[in-house]
Amino acid sequence: MAKKNLIEREKKRQKLEQQYYLIRRSPKKEMRKAQSLSEKWEIQGKLEVLPRNSAPTRLHRRCFATGRPRGNYRDFGLSGHVLREMVHGCLLPGATRSSW
């Protein structure tokens, strides 16, 4: 199980990302249209004022059951070893164990 403070930090980042999504999106559109370098610097200054944790690249996918940050499957939202245990226990409908 991951530490609770890491999970809470990730929830805080998700909340900030949703809060600043539209505010962050409009300067990025302006950046694409800007022609001169000075205009791009001004727009970049607007983006730098926003909190760092509001950037979508700061978000990290975590396992729903354990909070593990690595080895996650997007389709299930679970880490590999939890997914394997659930498949072996027949808790995921439609998922089968591989055998060869």
C-alpha atoms as a PDB file:
ATOM      1  CA  MET A   1       0.000   0.000   0.000  1.00  0.00           C
ATOM      2  CA  ALA A   2       1.319   3.435  -0.914  1.00  0.00           C
ATOM      3  CA  LYS A   3       1.751   6.098   1.719  1.00  0.00           C
ATOM      4  CA  LYS A   4      -1.394   8.084   2.255  1.00  0.00           C
ATOM      5  CA  ASN A   5       0.356  11.419   1.817  1.00  0.00           C
ATOM      6  CA  LEU A   6       1.479  10.415  -1.697  1.00  0.00           C
ATOM      7  CA  ILE A   7      -2.045   9.432  -2.653  1.00  0.00           C
ATOM      8  CA  GLU A   8      -3.439  12.681  -1.238  1.00  0.00           C
ATOM      9  CA  ARG A   9      -0.776  14.674  -3.101  1.00  0.00           C
ATOM     10  CA  GLU A  10      -1.849  13.013  -6.331  1.00  0.00           C
ATOM     11  CA  LYS A  11      -5.514  13.840  -5.633  1.00  0.00           C
ATOM     12  CA  LYS A  12      -4.523  17.460  -5.012  1.00  0.00           C
ATOM     13  CA  ARG A  13      -2.710  17.553  -8.364  1.00  0.00           C
ATOM     14  CA  GLN A  14      -5.770  16.147 -10.141  1.00  0.00           C
ATOM     15  CA  LYS A  15      -7.961  18.790  -8.555  1.00  0.00           C
ATOM     16  CA  LEU A  16      -5.562  21.589  -9.542  1.00  0.00           C
ATOM     17  CA  GLU A  17      -5.281  20.261 -13.089  1.00  0.00           C
ATOM     18  CA  GLN A  18      -9.071  20.321 -13.493  1.00  0.00           C
ATOM     19  CA  GLN A  19      -9.293  23.775 -11.931  1.00  0.00           C
ATOM     20  CA  TYR A  20      -6.693  25.354 -14.239  1.00  0.00           C
ATOM     21  CA  TYR A  21      -7.479  23.376 -17.403  1.00  0.00           C
ATOM     22  CA  LEU A  22      -9.262  26.176 -19.279  1.00  0.00           C
ATOM     23  CA  ILE A  23      -6.891  28.851 -17.980  1.00  0.00           C
ATOM     24  CA  ARG A  24      -3.920  26.825 -19.240  1.00  0.00           C
ATOM     25  CA  ARG A  25      -5.532  25.954 -22.575  1.00  0.00           C
ATOM     26  CA  SER A  26      -6.151  29.502 -23.861  1.00  0.00           C
ATOM     27  CA  PRO A  27      -2.503  30.717 -23.714  1.00  0.00           C
ATOM     28  CA  LYS A  28      -1.409  27.515 -25.447  1.00  0.00           C
ATOM     29  CA  LYS A  29      -3.765  28.313 -28.349  1.00  0.00           C
ATOM     30  CA  GLU A  30      -2.329  31.828 -28.494  1.00  0.00           C
ATOM     31  CA  MET A  31       1.179  30.361 -28.516  1.00  0.00           C
ATOM     32  CA  ARG A  32       0.410  28.404 -31.694  1.00  0.00           C
ATOM     33  CA  LYS A  33      -0.877  31.520 -33.446  1.00  0.00           C
ATOM     34  CA  ALA A  34       1.932  33.825 -32.282  1.00  0.00           C
ATOM     35  CA  GLN A  35       4.438  34.739 -34.956  1.00  0.00           C
ATOM     36  CA  SER A  36       7.178  36.698 -33.218  1.00  0.00           C
ATOM     37  CA  LEU A  37       9.455  35.416 -30.493  1.00  0.00           C
ATOM     38  CA  SER A  38       8.628  38.289 -28.145  1.00  0.00           C
ATOM     39  CA  GLU A  39       4.913  37.418 -28.282  1.00  0.00           C
ATOM     40  CA  LYS A  40       5.726  33.811 -27.408  1.00  0.00           C
ATOM     41  CA  TRP A  41       7.807  34.945 -24.431  1.00  0.00           C
ATOM     42  CA  GLU A  42       4.921  37.033 -23.115  1.00  0.00           C
ATOM     43  CA  ILE A  43       2.548  34.096 -23.424  1.00  0.00           C
ATOM     44  CA  GLN A  44       5.097  31.805 -21.773  1.00  0.00           C
ATOM     45  CA  GLY A  45       5.234  34.268 -18.874  1.00  0.00           C
ATOM     46  CA  LYS A  46       1.475  33.843 -18.400  1.00  0.00           C
ATOM     47  CA  LEU A  47       1.902  30.076 -18.209  1.00  0.00           C
ATOM     48  CA  GLU A  48       4.783  30.330 -15.732  1.00  0.00           C
ATOM     49  CA  VAL A  49       2.586  32.220 -13.266  1.00  0.00           C
ATOM     50  CA  LEU A  50       0.259  29.220 -12.912  1.00  0.00           C
ATOM     51  CA  PRO A  51       1.014  26.605 -10.213  1.00  0.00           C
ATOM     52  CA  ARG A  52       3.360  23.840 -11.305  1.00  0.00           C
ATOM     53  CA  ASN A  53       1.101  21.103  -9.992  1.00  0.00           C
ATOM     54  CA  SER A  54      -1.676  22.272 -12.303  1.00  0.00           C
ATOM     55  CA  ALA A  55       0.222  20.948 -15.332  1.00  0.00           C
ATOM     56  CA  PRO A  56      -1.204  17.689 -16.722  1.00  0.00           C
ATOM     57  CA  THR A  57       2.283  16.201 -17.104  1.00  0.00           C
ATOM     58  CA  ARG A  58       2.644  16.195 -13.324  1.00  0.00           C
ATOM     59  CA  LEU A  59      -0.192  13.696 -12.915  1.00  0.00           C
ATOM     60  CA  HIS A  60       0.771  10.087 -12.313  1.00  0.00           C
ATOM     61  CA  ARG A  61      -1.484   7.091 -12.771  1.00  0.00           C
ATOM     62  CA  ARG A  62      -1.798   4.951  -9.631  1.00  0.00           C
ATOM     63  CA  CYS A  63      -3.284   1.546  -8.898  1.00  0.00           C
ATOM     64  CA  PHE A  64      -6.857   1.830  -7.684  1.00  0.00           C
ATOM     65  CA  ALA A  65      -6.466  -0.907  -5.063  1.00  0.00           C
ATOM     66  CA  THR A  66      -2.947  -0.383  -3.705  1.00  0.00           C
ATOM     67  CA  GLY A  67      -1.873   3.067  -4.869  1.00  0.00           C
ATOM     68  CA  ARG A  68       1.213   1.626  -6.577  1.00  0.00           C
ATOM     69  CA  PRO A  69       2.638   4.143  -9.089  1.00  0.00           C
ATOM     70  CA  ARG A  70       4.300   1.723 -11.503  1.00  0.00           C
ATOM     71  CA  GLY A  71       3.212  -1.093 -13.766  1.00  0.00           C
ATOM     72  CA  ASN A  72      -0.409   0.005 -14.184  1.00  0.00           C
ATOM     73  CA  TYR A  73      -2.833  -1.159 -16.844  1.00  0.00           C
ATOM     74  CA  ARG A  74      -4.965   1.724 -18.103  1.00  0.00           C
ATOM     75  CA  ASP A  75      -7.928  -0.460 -19.021  1.00  0.00           C
ATOM     76  CA  PHE A  76      -8.370  -1.734 -15.472  1.00  0.00           C
ATOM     77  CA  GLY A  77      -6.689   0.952 -13.357  1.00  0.00           C
ATOM     78  CA  LEU A  78      -4.783  -1.764 -11.500  1.00  0.00           C
ATOM     79  CA  SER A  79      -1.136  -2.655 -11.134  1.00  0.00           C
ATOM     80  CA  GLY A  80       0.154  -5.851 -12.704  1.00  0.00           C
ATOM     81  CA  HIS A  81       0.308  -8.045  -9.632  1.00  0.00           C
ATOM     82  CA  VAL A  82      -3.165  -7.010  -8.386  1.00  0.00           C
ATOM     83  CA  LEU A  83      -4.569  -7.596 -11.858  1.00  0.00           C
ATOM     84  CA  ARG A  84      -2.994 -11.055 -11.950  1.00  0.00           C
ATOM     85  CA  GLU A  85      -4.442 -11.962  -8.542  1.00  0.00           C
ATOM     86  CA  MET A  86      -7.904 -10.799  -9.566  1.00  0.00           C
ATOM     87  CA  VAL A  87      -7.780 -12.747 -12.833  1.00  0.00           C
ATOM     88  CA  HIS A  88      -6.698 -15.892 -10.981  1.00  0.00           C
ATOM     89  CA  GLY A  89      -9.565 -15.386  -8.536  1.00  0.00           C
ATOM     90  CA  CYS A  90     -12.066 -14.914 -11.421  1.00  0.00           C
ATOM     91  CA  LEU A  91     -12.941 -11.427 -10.163  1.00  0.00           C
ATOM     92  CA  LEU A  92     -12.540  -9.715 -13.561  1.00  0.00           C
ATOM     93  CA  PRO A  93     -15.169 -10.778 -16.100  1.00  0.00           C
ATOM     94  CA  GLY A  94     -13.806 -11.387 -19.585  1.00  0.00           C
ATOM     95  CA  ALA A  95     -10.156 -11.581 -18.524  1.00  0.00           C
ATOM     96  CA  THR A  96      -8.484 -14.928 -18.966  1.00  0.00           C
ATOM     97  CA  ARG A  97      -5.157 -16.308 -17.848  1.00  0.00           C
ATOM     98  CA  SER A  98      -2.640 -16.851 -20.546  1.00  0.00           C
ATOM     99  CA  SER A  99      -1.486 -20.401 -21.145  1.00  0.00           C
ATOM    100  CA  TRP A 100       0.777 -21.745 -23.833  1.00  0.00           C
END
